[in-house]
C-alpha atoms as a PDB file:
ATOM      1  CA  MET A   1       0.000   0.000   0.000  1.00  0.00           C
ATOM      2  CA  ARG A   2       1.075   3.565  -0.717  1.00  0.00           C
ATOM      3  CA  VAL A   3       0.210   6.449   1.551  1.00  0.00           C
ATOM      4  CA  CYS A   4      -0.763   9.844   0.113  1.00  0.00           C
ATOM      5  CA  SER A   5       1.657  12.567   1.183  1.00  0.00           C
ATOM      6  CA  ASN A   6      -1.174  15.123   1.164  1.00  0.00           C
ATOM      7  CA  CYS A   7      -4.037  13.471   3.064  1.00  0.00           C
ATOM      8  CA  GLY A   8      -2.617  10.193   4.417  1.00  0.00           C
ATOM      9  CA  THR A   9      -5.058   7.896   2.566  1.00  0.00           C
ATOM     10  CA  GLU A  10      -3.759   4.410   1.786  1.00  0.00           C
ATOM     11  CA  SER A  11      -3.938   3.352  -1.884  1.00  0.00           C
ATOM     12  CA  PRO A  12      -3.007   0.205  -3.821  1.00  0.00           C
ATOM     13  CA  GLN A  13       0.427   0.192  -5.521  1.00  0.00           C
ATOM     14  CA  THR A  14      -1.219   0.370  -8.955  1.00  0.00           C
ATOM     15  CA  PHE A  15      -2.896   3.757  -8.264  1.00  0.00           C
ATOM     16  CA  LYS A  16      -1.113   6.793  -9.720  1.00  0.00           C
ATOM     17  CA  PHE A  17      -3.333   9.306  -7.905  1.00  0.00           C
ATOM     18  CA  CYS A  18      -4.849   9.362  -4.438  1.00  0.00           C
ATOM     19  CA  PRO A  19      -8.496   8.252  -4.580  1.00  0.00           C
ATOM     20  CA  ALA A  20      -9.413  10.728  -1.825  1.00  0.00           C
ATOM     21  CA  CYS A  21      -7.724  13.982  -2.900  1.00  0.00           C
ATOM     22  CA  ALA A  22      -6.275  13.287  -6.400  1.00  0.00           C
ATOM     23  CA  THR A  23      -2.694  14.119  -5.386  1.00  0.00           C
ATOM     24  CA  PRO A  24      -0.105  12.265  -7.519  1.00  0.00           C
ATOM     25  CA  LEU A  25       1.217   9.350  -5.449  1.00  0.00           C
ATOM     26  CA  ASP A  26       4.726   9.388  -6.932  1.00  0.00           C
ATOM     27  CA  VAL A  27       5.485  12.860  -5.560  1.00  0.00           C
ATOM     28  CA  PRO A  28       7.757  12.860  -2.496  1.00  0.00           C
ATOM     29  CA  PRO A  29       6.276  14.390   0.665  1.00  0.00           C
ATOM     30  CA  ARG A  30       6.673  18.142   0.959  1.00  0.00           C
ATOM     31  CA  GLU A  31       8.617  19.663   3.807  1.00  0.00           C
ATOM     32  CA  PRO A  32       6.298  21.737   5.969  1.00  0.00           C
ATOM     33  CA  ARG A  33       6.994  25.423   5.519  1.00  0.00           C
ATOM     34  CA  GLU A  34       7.351  27.510   8.621  1.00  0.00           C
ATOM     35  CA  GLU A  35       5.515  30.782   8.493  1.00  0.00           C
ATOM     36  CA  ARG A  36       5.909  33.483  11.078  1.00  0.00           C
ATOM     37  CA  LYS A  37       3.609  36.433  11.313  1.00  0.00           C
ATOM     38  CA  VAL A  38       4.000  39.549  13.374  1.00  0.00           C
ATOM     39  CA  VAL A  39       0.702  40.502  14.967  1.00  0.00           C
ATOM     40  CA  SER A  40      -0.537  43.100  17.400  1.00  0.00           C
ATOM     41  CA  VAL A  41      -3.016  42.217  20.103  1.00  0.00           C
ATOM     42  CA  LEU A  42      -4.982  44.843  21.999  1.00  0.00           C
ATOM     43  CA  PHE A  43      -6.866  44.181  25.238  1.00  0.00           C
ATOM     44  CA  VAL A  44      -9.376  46.845  26.248  1.00  0.00           C
ATOM     45  CA  ASP A  45     -11.257  46.916  29.556  1.00  0.00           C
ATOM     46  CA  LEU A  46     -13.465  49.645  31.006  1.00  0.00           C
ATOM     47  CA  VAL A  47     -12.144  50.713  34.387  1.00  0.00           C
ATOM     48  CA  GLY A  48     -14.895  51.569  36.874  1.00  0.00           C
ATOM     49  CA  PHE A  49     -17.593  49.896  34.810  1.00  0.00           C
ATOM     50  CA  VAL A  50     -19.046  47.789  37.624  1.00  0.00           C
ATOM     51  CA  GLY A  51     -19.247  50.688  40.064  1.00  0.00           C
ATOM     52  CA  ARG A  52     -20.986  52.911  37.536  1.00  0.00           C
ATOM     53  CA  PHE A  53     -23.467  50.392  36.106  1.00  0.00           C
ATOM     54  CA  HIS A  54     -23.965  47.933  38.973  1.00  0.00           C
ATOM     55  CA  ASP A  55     -27.630  48.788  39.518  1.00  0.00           C
ATOM     56  CA  ALA A  56     -28.453  49.887  35.954  1.00  0.00           C
ATOM     57  CA  ASP A  57     -30.877  48.138  33.613  1.00  0.00           C
ATOM     58  CA  PRO A  58     -29.253  46.149  30.777  1.00  0.00           C
ATOM     59  CA  GLU A  59     -30.893  48.443  28.219  1.00  0.00           C
ATOM     60  CA  ASP A  60     -29.329  51.513  29.857  1.00  0.00           C
ATOM     61  CA  VAL A  61     -25.914  49.871  29.940  1.00  0.00           C
ATOM     62  CA  ARG A  62     -26.181  48.919  26.269  1.00  0.00           C
ATOM     63  CA  ALA A  63     -27.247  52.459  25.349  1.00  0.00           C
ATOM     64  CA  ALA A  64     -24.346  53.969  27.295  1.00  0.00           C
ATOM     65  CA  LEU A  65     -21.737  51.615  25.809  1.00  0.00           C
ATOM     66  CA  SER A  66     -22.961  51.522  22.221  1.00  0.00           C
ATOM     67  CA  PRO A  67     -21.202  54.750  21.114  1.00  0.00           C
ATOM     68  CA  TYR A  68     -17.991  53.539  22.778  1.00  0.00           C
ATOM     69  CA  TYR A  69     -18.097  50.189  20.960  1.00  0.00           C
ATOM     70  CA  GLN A  70     -18.846  51.858  17.622  1.00  0.00           C
ATOM     71  CA  ARG A  71     -15.924  54.272  17.986  1.00  0.00           C
ATOM     72  CA  LEU A  72     -13.575  51.545  19.183  1.00  0.00           C
ATOM     73  CA  LYS A  73     -14.493  49.286  16.251  1.00  0.00           C
ATOM     74  CA  ALA A  74     -14.079  52.119  13.731  1.00  0.00           C
ATOM     75  CA  GLU A  75     -10.630  53.042  15.100  1.00  0.00           C
ATOM     76  CA  ILE A  76      -9.453  49.444  15.170  1.00  0.00           C
ATOM     77  CA  GLU A  77     -10.590  48.813  11.590  1.00  0.00           C
ATOM     78  CA  HIS A  78      -9.040  52.118  10.453  1.00  0.00           C
ATOM     79  CA  TYR A  79      -5.630  50.747  11.488  1.00  0.00           C
ATOM     80  CA  GLY A  80      -6.240  47.384   9.804  1.00  0.00           C
ATOM     81  CA  GLY A  81      -7.295  45.484  12.925  1.00  0.00           C
ATOM     82  CA  THR A  82     -10.192  43.131  13.532  1.00  0.00           C
ATOM     83  CA  VAL A  83     -12.406  42.718  16.606  1.00  0.00           C
ATOM     84  CA  GLU A  84     -11.932  39.000  17.260  1.00  0.00           C
ATOM     85  CA  SER A  85     -14.239  38.403  20.203  1.00  0.00           C
ATOM     86  CA  SER A  86     -16.204  40.056  22.951  1.00  0.00           C
ATOM     87  CA  SER A  87     -16.837  39.186  26.562  1.00  0.00           C
ATOM     88  CA  GLY A  88     -18.930  41.540  28.636  1.00  0.00           C
ATOM     89  CA  THR A  89     -17.152  44.891  28.499  1.00  0.00           C
ATOM     90  CA  ARG A  90     -13.984  43.384  26.978  1.00  0.00           C
ATOM     91  CA  ARG A  91     -13.025  43.254  23.288  1.00  0.00           C
ATOM     92  CA  TRP A  92     -10.169  41.116  21.949  1.00  0.00           C
ATOM     93  CA  VAL A  93      -8.550  42.665  18.910  1.00  0.00           C
ATOM     94  CA  SER A  94      -5.816  41.529  16.557  1.00  0.00           C
ATOM     95  CA  GLY A  95      -4.087  42.922  13.522  1.00  0.00           C
ATOM     96  CA  SER A  96      -1.071  42.471  11.289  1.00  0.00           C
ATOM     97  CA  ARG A  97       0.478  45.809  12.251  1.00  0.00           C
ATOM     98  CA  TYR A  98       0.473  48.300  15.122  1.00  0.00           C
ATOM     99  CA  ILE A  99      -3.003  49.220  16.345  1.00  0.00           C
ATOM    100  CA  CYS A 100      -3.887  52.467  18.095  1.00  0.00           C
ATOM    101  CA  VAL A 101      -4.606  51.855  21.770  1.00  0.00           C
ATOM    102  CA  LEU A 102      -7.747  53.595  23.045  1.00  0.00           C
ATOM    103  CA  TRP A 103      -8.108  54.092  26.789  1.00  0.00           C
END
């Protein structure tokens, strides 16, 4: 049996191409290429948030934070970044170059 260097599927010796992914079976396995990327990661948290909004209704909190989130997103995207995830008042951001830090 021959093993495909691309997907690892076993094939009979008479096959010239992998039956699963169509890779030629007589090609030697490729060396994995190492790729390094420089990225920027920004962590933003609102200081004093709990004290200010502890007893507030969720709708009031959302209304108060909405302009902040819109501005933050616009600034991050302006510098080529992406908002990756959100958790409560936190936003995880990444980008392939320096990103402006908003406090």
